[in-house]
Amino acid sequence: MALFGALATIGSITLAVFNVRFDRMIETAMEDRAQAAMVAEIRLNLLLYNRSILLYGTTGDPEHRDASDEALSKIGYWLNAAKLSMRQLDDLARIQAVEERLDTYIARREELLKGDLPSARQSEVATPEFEAVLTLINDYLLRAEQDQKSLQVEVNELNQLLTRISLVATILLPLAFIWMVIRVQRSIFSPLQRLEEALQAYSAGEEGVRAPVKGPTELRDMAASFNELANQLQKQRESRYEFLLGVAHDLRNPLTALKGHIALAARQLEDRAASQEDLQQRYTKVAVLVKRLDRLVADLVDRTRMEAGQFDLQLCRCNLREILEEVRALYEGSSSRHSIHVEMPPQDVYLQCDETRMSQVLINLVSNAIKYSPEGGEVVLRVRASGGEVAIEVQDWGIGIDDAHLSLIFQPFHRIHPESVPGTGLGLAVAKGLVDAQGGRIEVESTLGVGSTFRVVFPAENVTK
């Protein structure tokens, strides 16, 4: 397109230059012809004057005198007209030289008429001046004719050059157009066709197909966007596949254990060998496994509702001390290697939130703190109030999280240690969704090998008296 535009621009400029040049040549030619015609009129009237003055001197006829005066008047008129039309200094100088010679000749002729010389002698005396004037006029006309011929040659050469340029343009422009069409075909239509083929193949189920990133910027951006979208969908499919495997594994383990406990309890009952204590232990284990299954299903349901936009909250004025104490009581004694502590300000802190969902968030965080502290230790639930905001912290001194995982832990199905720590990777994603839905935000600080602190922060407008 740029080349085609450049050729068109050059052609337009060339034509414009030639047009101006032709106009100037035509104007010059017309001026030269007009000036030559004026000088020719001067020569004609000079000849008429010379003839009339000669006849007057011979015959004394007043009509010849009048004719000579008329010729002199015309000579003066055409001299003035010629001088006014002259644009070139050398042309003006030549016409002024003619005028000076004319004045000398006419003055000489008029002077001879007043004398007693015969007419033939007067003509003989004035002839050198007459011939000098005539020679200057003829020289001027001859040069004008030569200038006209030179101008005609220049016009012919310019016309030939324009013809050559037009011929070249006639050849080059179609070639440039064909070249441009080929380039457009290669740079636009081919990448566009390949992008369309990639989209059709992807729609037909070829999930591994990708579009070539070629062509103009817009097409490259479209192809890159399609490839990025396809890669993201591929990652989501892989994540969902891993998630399904994790869910199946997590469901299978408690279900297998449940079946084992139930079968063992059934045999003991059949043999009447089960004591009250054995049944109580079996009941406790079954209850824990059922609770684990219930939490897994609840996380799945919550995440599904969040993605579908069908998640409802029951906001009310909640006492954070009561919520934290309930969570502590829930996990107290669940692990002999862990202890749960609550740190609160002296005064109660009330928050506008969904009490059940808030408990679910803290239960999730405390559960993770215990799971990722395999060596045991303290888990602290802490409330801080600063600058109008309220922060609820869950801190552990476990294995910590490396920097590579910090930006990913809130994504669904992402797990840090899937081989050693059970779970589906949904807990933190659900917790973040619950906090965001209630107007808060969730943050994390962690050092590998030292421990982690998850912080749920609510703005001042959520804090109530």
Protein backbone atom coordinates (compact mmCIF):
# COMPACT_ATOMS: atom_id res chain seq x y z
CA MET A 1 0.00 0.00 0.00
CA ALA A 2 2.84 2.38 0.86
CA LEU A 3 4.62 1.61 -2.43
CA PHE A 4 1.42 2.00 -4.41
CA GLY A 5 0.69 5.27 -2.65
CA ALA A 6 4.26 6.47 -3.24
CA LEU A 7 4.02 5.71 -6.97
CA ALA A 8 0.68 7.49 -7.21
CA THR A 9 2.07 10.48 -5.29
CA ILE A 10 5.18 10.66 -7.48
CA GLY A 11 3.01 10.43 -10.59
CA SER A 12 0.73 13.19 -9.35
CA ILE A 13 3.65 15.45 -8.45
CA THR A 14 5.32 14.78 -11.82
CA LEU A 15 2.15 15.61 -13.71
CA ALA A 16 1.70 18.76 -11.65
CA VAL A 17 5.30 19.87 -12.36
CA PHE A 18 4.91 19.17 -16.07
CA ASN A 19 1.62 21.02 -16.11
CA VAL A 20 3.22 24.10 -14.51
CA ARG A 21 6.14 23.83 -16.92
CA PHE A 22 3.84 23.61 -19.92
CA ASP A 23 1.81 26.57 -18.69
CA ARG A 24 4.98 28.63 -18.37
CA MET A 25 6.18 27.59 -21.81
CA ILE A 26 2.84 28.44 -23.39
CA GLU A 27 2.75 31.77 -21.58
CA THR A 28 6.31 32.54 -22.68
CA ALA A 29 5.58 31.53 -26.26
CA MET A 30 2.49 33.73 -26.36
CA GLU A 31 4.38 36.68 -24.88
CA ASP A 32 7.27 36.21 -27.33
CA ARG A 33 4.89 36.07 -30.27
CA ALA A 34 3.03 39.15 -29.08
CA GLN A 35 6.31 41.06 -28.65
CA ALA A 36 7.55 39.90 -32.06
CA ALA A 37 4.26 41.06 -33.58
CA MET A 38 4.69 44.50 -31.95
CA VAL A 39 8.25 44.80 -33.27
CA ALA A 40 7.03 43.70 -36.70
CA GLU A 41 4.44 46.50 -36.54
CA ILE A 42 7.24 48.93 -35.69
CA ARG A 43 9.22 47.72 -38.72
CA LEU A 44 6.18 48.00 -41.01
CA ASN A 45 5.42 51.55 -39.89
CA LEU A 46 9.08 52.45 -40.16
CA LEU A 47 9.05 51.39 -43.79
CA LEU A 48 5.81 53.34 -44.34
CA TYR A 49 7.33 56.40 -42.70
CA ASN A 50 10.49 56.19 -44.79
CA ARG A 51 8.46 55.84 -48.02
CA SER A 52 5.99 58.62 -47.09
CA ILE A 53 8.72 61.07 -46.07
CA LEU A 54 10.63 60.32 -49.26
CA LEU A 55 7.53 60.99 -51.42
CA TYR A 56 6.78 64.14 -49.45
CA GLY A 57 10.27 65.45 -50.06
CA THR A 58 9.94 64.72 -53.75
CA THR A 59 6.35 65.89 -54.39
CA GLY A 60 5.55 68.15 -51.48
CA ASP A 61 2.11 66.50 -51.31
CA PRO A 62 0.57 67.08 -47.84
CA GLU A 63 -1.08 63.66 -47.91
CA HIS A 64 2.35 62.04 -47.83
CA ARG A 65 3.22 64.21 -44.85
CA ASP A 66 0.06 63.11 -43.08
CA ALA A 67 0.91 59.48 -43.86
CA SER A 68 4.38 59.93 -42.38
CA ASP A 69 2.93 61.50 -39.25
CA GLU A 70 0.45 58.64 -38.88
CA ALA A 71 3.29 56.13 -39.26
CA LEU A 72 5.29 57.98 -36.59
CA SER A 73 2.29 57.87 -34.23
CA LYS A 74 1.92 54.12 -34.72
CA ILE A 75 5.66 53.61 -34.22
CA GLY A 76 5.42 55.43 -30.86
CA TYR A 77 2.35 53.38 -29.83
CA TRP A 78 3.92 50.02 -30.61
CA LEU A 79 7.20 51.06 -28.98
CA ASN A 80 5.43 51.86 -25.72
CA ALA A 81 3.36 48.66 -25.92
CA ALA A 82 6.50 46.59 -26.58
CA LYS A 83 8.38 48.15 -23.66
CA LEU A 84 5.49 47.50 -21.26
CA SER A 85 5.24 43.83 -22.29
CA MET A 86 8.95 43.09 -21.91
CA ARG A 87 9.74 40.92 -18.85
CA GLN A 88 13.27 39.94 -19.75
CA LEU A 89 15.90 42.64 -19.20
CA ASP A 90 17.84 41.76 -22.37
CA ASP A 91 14.67 42.07 -24.47
CA LEU A 92 13.96 45.45 -22.88
CA ALA A 93 17.52 46.59 -23.58
CA ARG A 94 17.22 45.63 -27.25
CA ILE A 95 13.90 47.42 -27.71
CA GLN A 96 15.36 50.50 -26.00
CA ALA A 97 18.32 50.36 -28.46
CA VAL A 98 15.81 50.24 -31.31
CA GLU A 99 14.02 53.25 -29.83
CA GLU A 100 17.24 55.24 -29.58
CA ARG A 101 18.14 54.48 -33.21
CA LEU A 102 14.64 55.37 -34.29
CA ASP A 103 14.79 58.69 -32.50
CA THR A 104 18.15 59.44 -34.14
CA TYR A 105 16.88 58.48 -37.59
CA ILE A 106 13.61 60.40 -37.30
CA ALA A 107 15.36 63.48 -35.95
CA ARG A 108 17.81 63.31 -38.80
CA ARG A 109 15.02 62.99 -41.36
CA GLU A 110 13.07 65.89 -39.93
CA GLU A 111 16.19 68.01 -39.91
CA LEU A 112 16.95 67.22 -43.57
CA LEU A 113 13.40 68.23 -44.57
CA LYS A 114 14.06 71.74 -43.32
CA GLY A 115 17.21 72.11 -45.44
CA ASP A 116 17.73 72.86 -49.12
CA LEU A 117 19.05 69.42 -50.12
CA PRO A 118 17.24 67.62 -52.91
CA SER A 119 15.02 64.71 -51.96
CA ALA A 120 17.43 62.13 -53.41
CA ARG A 121 20.28 63.63 -51.44
CA GLN A 122 18.20 63.64 -48.21
CA SER A 123 17.45 59.95 -48.63
CA GLU A 124 21.11 59.23 -49.32
CA VAL A 125 22.18 61.05 -46.15
CA ALA A 126 19.53 59.37 -43.96
CA THR A 127 19.97 55.89 -45.36
CA PRO A 128 22.74 54.78 -42.90
CA GLU A 129 20.55 55.68 -39.92
CA PHE A 130 17.57 53.97 -41.51
CA GLU A 131 19.52 50.81 -42.24
CA ALA A 132 20.93 50.79 -38.68
CA VAL A 133 17.40 50.90 -37.20
CA LEU A 134 16.16 48.29 -39.63
CA THR A 135 19.10 46.05 -38.84
CA LEU A 136 18.37 46.23 -35.08
CA ILE A 137 14.70 45.42 -35.70
CA ASN A 138 15.55 42.51 -38.00
CA ASP A 139 18.06 41.18 -35.49
CA TYR A 140 15.41 41.33 -32.78
CA LEU A 141 12.88 39.48 -34.94
CA LEU A 142 15.47 36.91 -35.97
CA ARG A 143 16.37 36.24 -32.35
CA ALA A 144 12.69 36.02 -31.45
CA GLU A 145 12.23 33.45 -34.20
CA GLN A 146 15.19 31.46 -32.89
CA ASP A 147 13.77 31.63 -29.35
CA GLN A 148 10.47 30.32 -30.69
CA LYS A 149 12.22 27.43 -32.36
CA SER A 150 14.23 26.65 -29.21
CA LEU A 151 11.05 26.76 -27.15
CA GLN A 152 9.35 24.43 -29.61
CA VAL A 153 12.29 21.99 -29.31
CA GLU A 154 12.06 22.15 -25.51
CA VAL A 155 8.32 21.54 -25.67
CA ASN A 156 8.88 18.53 -27.91
CA GLU A 157 11.53 17.13 -25.57
CA LEU A 158 9.30 17.67 -22.57
CA ASN A 159 6.44 16.01 -24.39
CA GLN A 160 8.65 13.01 -25.21
CA LEU A 161 9.77 12.80 -21.57
CA LEU A 162 6.18 12.94 -20.39
CA THR A 163 5.30 10.21 -22.88
CA ARG A 164 8.09 8.01 -21.52
CA ILE A 165 7.04 8.65 -17.93
CA SER A 166 3.43 7.88 -18.79
CA LEU A 167 4.52 4.67 -20.47
CA VAL A 168 6.59 3.66 -17.46
CA ALA A 169 3.73 4.56 -15.12
CA THR A 170 1.32 2.57 -17.28
CA ILE A 171 3.58 -0.45 -16.85
CA LEU A 172 4.60 0.07 -13.22
CA LEU A 173 1.20 0.88 -11.74
CA PRO A 174 -0.44 -2.39 -12.84
CA LEU A 175 2.66 -4.28 -11.69
CA ALA A 176 2.54 -2.45 -8.36
CA PHE A 177 -1.16 -3.23 -8.06
CA ILE A 178 -0.57 -6.90 -8.79
CA TRP A 179 2.30 -6.96 -6.31
CA MET A 180 0.09 -5.25 -3.72
CA VAL A 181 -2.69 -7.80 -4.28
CA ILE A 182 -0.19 -10.65 -3.80
CA ARG A 183 1.16 -9.01 -0.64
CA VAL A 184 -2.34 -8.45 0.69
CA GLN A 185 -3.16 -12.06 -0.11
CA ARG A 186 -0.10 -13.26 1.79
CA SER A 187 -0.20 -10.82 4.67
CA ILE A 188 -3.96 -10.53 5.29
CA PHE A 189 -6.10 -13.12 3.56
CA SER A 190 -3.82 -16.11 4.17
CA PRO A 191 -3.42 -15.44 7.94
CA LEU A 192 -7.15 -14.66 8.15
CA GLN A 193 -7.97 -17.93 6.39
CA ARG A 194 -5.64 -19.86 8.69
CA LEU A 195 -7.19 -18.21 11.73
CA GLU A 196 -10.65 -19.16 10.45
CA GLU A 197 -9.45 -22.73 9.84
CA ALA A 198 -8.04 -22.88 13.37
CA LEU A 199 -11.34 -21.65 14.82
CA GLN A 200 -13.33 -24.17 12.79
CA ALA A 201 -10.97 -26.99 13.77
CA TYR A 202 -11.17 -25.99 17.43
CA SER A 203 -14.97 -25.85 17.22
CA ALA A 204 -14.91 -29.32 15.67
CA GLY A 205 -13.10 -30.70 18.72
CA GLU A 206 -9.43 -30.40 17.80
CA GLU A 207 -8.44 -28.84 21.11
CA GLY A 208 -4.72 -28.88 20.37
CA VAL A 209 -4.96 -26.67 17.28
CA ARG A 210 -3.50 -23.15 17.47
CA ALA A 211 -3.59 -20.22 15.04
CA PRO A 212 -0.34 -18.95 13.47
CA VAL A 213 0.53 -15.49 14.79
CA LYS A 214 1.15 -13.82 11.42
CA GLY A 215 -0.10 -10.94 9.33
CA PRO A 216 -1.06 -7.37 10.31
CA THR A 217 -1.10 -6.28 13.94
CA GLU A 218 -4.85 -6.77 14.32
CA LEU A 219 -4.72 -10.34 12.99
CA ARG A 220 -1.68 -11.15 15.13
CA ASP A 221 -3.53 -9.86 18.19
CA MET A 222 -6.62 -11.92 17.30
CA ALA A 223 -4.53 -15.07 16.77
CA ALA A 224 -2.62 -14.47 20.02
CA SER A 225 -5.88 -13.92 21.91
CA PHE A 226 -7.35 -17.11 20.47
CA ASN A 227 -4.22 -19.08 21.38
CA GLU A 228 -4.20 -17.63 24.88
CA LEU A 229 -7.89 -18.47 25.34
CA ALA A 230 -7.31 -21.99 24.04
CA ASN A 231 -4.34 -22.42 26.41
CA GLN A 232 -6.40 -21.16 29.35
CA LEU A 233 -9.23 -23.54 28.49
CA GLN A 234 -6.70 -26.36 28.20
CA LYS A 235 -5.33 -25.49 31.64
CA GLN A 236 -8.85 -25.34 33.04
CA ARG A 237 -9.63 -28.74 31.57
CA GLU A 238 -6.45 -30.14 33.03
CA SER A 239 -7.23 -28.52 36.38
CA ARG A 240 -10.76 -29.90 36.35
CA TYR A 241 -9.45 -33.34 35.42
CA GLU A 242 -6.99 -33.19 38.31
CA PHE A 243 -9.78 -31.88 40.51
CA LEU A 244 -12.05 -34.78 39.59
CA LEU A 245 -9.23 -37.19 40.33
CA GLY A 246 -8.66 -35.47 43.69
CA VAL A 247 -12.38 -35.48 44.49
CA ALA A 248 -12.63 -39.15 43.56
CA HIS A 249 -9.61 -39.92 45.73
CA ASP A 250 -10.90 -37.86 48.66
CA LEU A 251 -14.33 -39.43 48.39
CA ARG A 252 -12.95 -42.93 48.01
CA ASN A 253 -10.78 -42.79 51.13
CA PRO A 254 -13.50 -41.89 53.66
CA LEU A 255 -16.00 -44.12 51.89
CA THR A 256 -13.60 -47.07 52.05
CA ALA A 257 -12.97 -46.36 55.70
CA LEU A 258 -16.70 -46.04 56.32
CA LYS A 259 -17.36 -49.35 54.64
CA GLY A 260 -14.61 -50.94 56.70
CA HIS A 261 -15.91 -49.60 59.99
CA ILE A 262 -19.50 -50.57 59.14
CA ALA A 263 -18.47 -54.06 58.07
CA LEU A 264 -16.39 -54.56 61.21
CA ALA A 265 -19.18 -53.25 63.40
CA ALA A 266 -21.65 -55.57 61.64
CA ARG A 267 -19.44 -58.61 62.28
CA GLN A 268 -18.96 -57.65 65.90
CA LEU A 269 -22.70 -57.30 66.32
CA GLU A 270 -23.29 -60.64 64.66
CA ASP A 271 -20.71 -62.25 66.95
CA ARG A 272 -22.03 -60.21 69.86
CA ALA A 273 -18.42 -59.32 70.54
CA ALA A 274 -18.83 -55.55 70.34
CA SER A 275 -18.61 -53.72 73.61
CA GLN A 276 -20.21 -50.37 74.27
CA GLU A 277 -16.78 -48.77 74.13
CA ASP A 278 -16.00 -50.34 70.72
CA LEU A 279 -19.29 -49.15 69.31
CA GLN A 280 -18.64 -45.67 70.67
CA GLN A 281 -15.24 -45.57 68.99
CA ARG A 282 -16.74 -46.82 65.74
CA TYR A 283 -19.44 -44.18 65.97
CA THR A 284 -16.90 -41.43 66.59
CA LYS A 285 -14.80 -42.46 63.60
CA VAL A 286 -17.81 -42.77 61.35
CA ALA A 287 -19.02 -39.33 62.47
CA VAL A 288 -15.61 -37.80 61.61
CA LEU A 289 -15.63 -39.43 58.19
CA VAL A 290 -19.20 -38.32 57.50
CA LYS A 291 -18.26 -34.80 58.59
CA ARG A 292 -15.32 -34.82 56.20
CA LEU A 293 -17.57 -35.97 53.35
CA ASP A 294 -20.15 -33.36 54.25
CA ARG A 295 -17.53 -30.60 54.17
CA LEU A 296 -16.23 -31.77 50.80
CA VAL A 297 -19.72 -31.78 49.31
CA ALA A 298 -20.46 -28.38 50.89
CA ASP A 299 -17.34 -26.87 49.31
CA LEU A 300 -18.34 -28.25 45.95
CA VAL A 301 -21.86 -26.87 46.25
CA ASP A 302 -20.65 -23.44 47.43
CA ARG A 303 -18.12 -23.14 44.62
CA THR A 304 -20.70 -24.18 42.05
CA ARG A 305 -23.19 -21.60 43.36
CA MET A 306 -20.53 -18.87 43.28
CA GLU A 307 -19.70 -19.60 39.65
CA ALA A 308 -23.40 -19.67 38.79
CA GLY A 309 -24.07 -16.39 40.62
CA GLN A 310 -26.68 -18.01 42.85
CA PHE A 311 -24.97 -17.45 46.16
CA ASP A 312 -27.03 -15.79 48.95
CA LEU A 313 -25.84 -14.24 52.22
CA GLN A 314 -27.73 -13.63 55.46
CA LEU A 315 -26.04 -10.53 56.86
CA CYS A 316 -26.49 -9.65 60.52
CA ARG A 317 -24.65 -8.12 63.47
CA CYS A 318 -22.18 -10.78 64.66
CA ASN A 319 -19.91 -10.89 67.70
CA LEU A 320 -16.47 -11.98 66.50
CA ARG A 321 -15.50 -13.26 69.96
CA GLU A 322 -18.36 -15.77 69.86
CA ILE A 323 -17.50 -16.90 66.30
CA LEU A 324 -13.81 -17.41 67.14
CA GLU A 325 -14.61 -19.26 70.37
CA GLU A 326 -16.97 -21.59 68.50
CA VAL A 327 -14.23 -22.37 65.95
CA ARG A 328 -11.70 -22.94 68.74
CA ALA A 329 -14.09 -25.25 70.56
CA LEU A 330 -14.74 -27.17 67.36
CA TYR A 331 -11.05 -28.00 66.86
CA GLU A 332 -10.02 -28.19 70.50
CA GLY A 333 -8.85 -31.71 71.17
CA SER A 334 -9.03 -32.72 67.48
CA SER A 335 -5.23 -33.08 67.42
CA SER A 336 -3.01 -33.97 70.32
CA ARG A 337 -0.11 -32.15 68.69
CA HIS A 338 -1.89 -28.82 68.13
CA SER A 339 -3.31 -26.17 70.43
CA ILE A 340 -5.81 -23.47 69.43
CA HIS A 341 -5.62 -20.02 71.02
CA VAL A 342 -7.82 -16.96 70.61
CA GLU A 343 -6.51 -13.39 71.00
CA MET A 344 -9.12 -10.63 71.18
CA PRO A 345 -9.18 -6.95 72.17
CA PRO A 346 -10.63 -6.30 75.63
CA GLN A 347 -13.88 -5.03 74.18
CA ASP A 348 -16.12 -7.07 71.91
CA VAL A 349 -15.92 -6.44 68.17
CA TYR A 350 -19.12 -6.62 66.14
CA LEU A 351 -19.17 -7.15 62.39
CA GLN A 352 -21.91 -6.96 59.75
CA CYS A 353 -21.51 -10.37 58.09
CA ASP A 354 -23.07 -13.78 57.53
CA GLU A 355 -22.30 -15.64 60.76
CA THR A 356 -22.49 -19.11 59.22
CA ARG A 357 -20.31 -18.18 56.25
CA MET A 358 -17.84 -16.36 58.49
CA SER A 359 -17.51 -19.49 60.63
CA GLN A 360 -17.03 -21.53 57.45
CA VAL A 361 -14.14 -19.25 56.36
CA LEU A 362 -12.37 -19.51 59.74
CA ILE A 363 -12.98 -23.28 59.96
CA ASN A 364 -11.35 -23.64 56.56
CA LEU A 365 -8.34 -21.53 57.56
CA VAL A 366 -7.88 -23.30 60.89
CA SER A 367 -8.21 -26.70 59.21
CA ASN A 368 -5.49 -25.74 56.73
CA ALA A 369 -3.29 -24.41 59.52
CA ILE A 370 -3.50 -27.79 61.25
CA LYS A 371 -2.97 -29.79 58.04
CA TYR A 372 0.09 -27.75 57.03
CA SER A 373 1.63 -28.00 60.51
CA PRO A 374 2.35 -31.76 60.51
CA GLU A 375 4.83 -31.43 63.39
CA GLY A 376 2.17 -29.84 65.57
CA GLY A 377 2.35 -26.51 67.32
CA GLU A 378 0.15 -23.57 68.10
CA VAL A 379 -2.59 -22.12 65.89
CA VAL A 380 -3.66 -18.60 66.84
CA LEU A 381 -6.95 -16.92 65.99
CA ARG A 382 -6.45 -13.19 66.43
CA VAL A 383 -8.58 -10.06 65.96
CA ARG A 384 -6.93 -6.69 65.31
CA ALA A 385 -8.67 -3.33 64.92
CA SER A 386 -6.68 -0.54 63.27
CA GLY A 387 -7.58 2.55 61.26
CA GLY A 388 -11.26 1.64 61.31
CA GLU A 389 -10.59 -1.76 59.70
CA VAL A 390 -10.92 -5.09 61.44
CA ALA A 391 -8.55 -7.97 60.64
CA ILE A 392 -9.07 -11.58 61.66
CA GLU A 393 -5.82 -13.56 61.53
CA VAL A 394 -5.16 -17.29 61.54
CA GLN A 395 -1.46 -17.93 62.21
CA ASP A 396 0.50 -21.16 62.26
CA TRP A 397 4.16 -22.14 62.50
CA GLY A 398 4.04 -24.93 59.95
CA ILE A 399 5.78 -25.68 56.67
CA GLY A 400 4.89 -22.32 55.06
CA ILE A 401 4.28 -21.50 51.41
CA ASP A 402 6.95 -20.66 48.85
CA ASP A 403 6.65 -17.54 46.70
CA ALA A 404 5.79 -19.53 43.56
CA HIS A 405 2.51 -20.69 45.13
CA LEU A 406 1.47 -17.51 46.96
CA SER A 407 -0.26 -16.01 43.91
CA LEU A 408 -2.01 -19.30 43.09
CA ILE A 409 -3.34 -20.64 46.38
CA PHE A 410 -6.74 -18.93 46.02
CA GLN A 411 -7.36 -20.42 42.59
CA PRO A 412 -9.82 -23.34 42.47
CA PHE A 413 -8.29 -26.82 42.50
CA HIS A 414 -4.78 -25.55 43.23
CA ARG A 415 -2.96 -27.66 45.83
CA ILE A 416 0.52 -27.13 47.23
CA HIS A 417 1.33 -30.63 48.44
CA PRO A 418 -1.26 -32.95 46.85
CA GLU A 419 0.87 -36.02 47.50
CA SER A 420 1.12 -35.57 51.28
CA VAL A 421 -1.76 -33.31 52.36
CA PRO A 422 -5.36 -34.41 51.64
CA GLY A 423 -7.86 -32.01 50.08
CA THR A 424 -9.45 -30.87 46.84
CA GLY A 425 -7.92 -27.41 46.49
CA LEU A 426 -11.34 -25.78 46.84
CA GLY A 427 -11.22 -24.61 50.45
CA LEU A 428 -9.26 -21.39 49.99
CA ALA A 429 -11.09 -20.54 46.76
CA VAL A 430 -14.42 -20.91 48.58
CA ALA A 431 -13.11 -18.89 51.54
CA LYS A 432 -11.97 -16.06 49.28
CA GLY A 433 -15.32 -16.05 47.47
CA LEU A 434 -17.18 -15.85 50.80
CA VAL A 435 -15.01 -13.00 52.08
CA ASP A 436 -15.27 -11.04 48.82
CA ALA A 437 -19.04 -11.49 48.80
CA GLN A 438 -19.25 -9.90 52.26
CA GLY A 439 -17.17 -6.85 51.25
CA GLY A 440 -13.85 -7.92 52.72
CA ARG A 441 -10.56 -9.17 51.40
CA ILE A 442 -8.26 -12.03 52.28
CA GLU A 443 -4.47 -11.76 52.42
CA VAL A 444 -1.60 -14.11 53.22
CA GLU A 445 1.93 -13.75 54.51
CA SER A 446 4.14 -16.80 54.55
CA THR A 447 7.77 -17.86 54.86
CA LEU A 448 8.81 -21.32 53.73
CA GLY A 449 9.71 -23.43 56.76
CA VAL A 450 8.55 -20.77 59.23
CA GLY A 451 4.77 -20.60 58.93
CA SER A 452 1.85 -18.68 57.47
CA THR A 453 -0.61 -15.98 58.48
CA PHE A 454 -3.94 -15.68 56.69
CA ARG A 455 -5.67 -12.37 57.28
CA VAL A 456 -9.36 -11.59 56.63
CA VAL A 457 -9.83 -7.80 56.52
CA PHE A 458 -13.13 -5.92 56.62
CA PRO A 459 -13.49 -2.17 56.04
CA ALA A 460 -14.86 0.26 58.59
CA GLU A 461 -18.36 0.22 57.10
CA ASN A 462 -18.71 -3.45 58.11
CA VAL A 463 -17.84 -2.70 61.73
CA THR A 464 -20.86 -2.09 63.99
CA LYS A 465 -21.25 -0.93 67.55
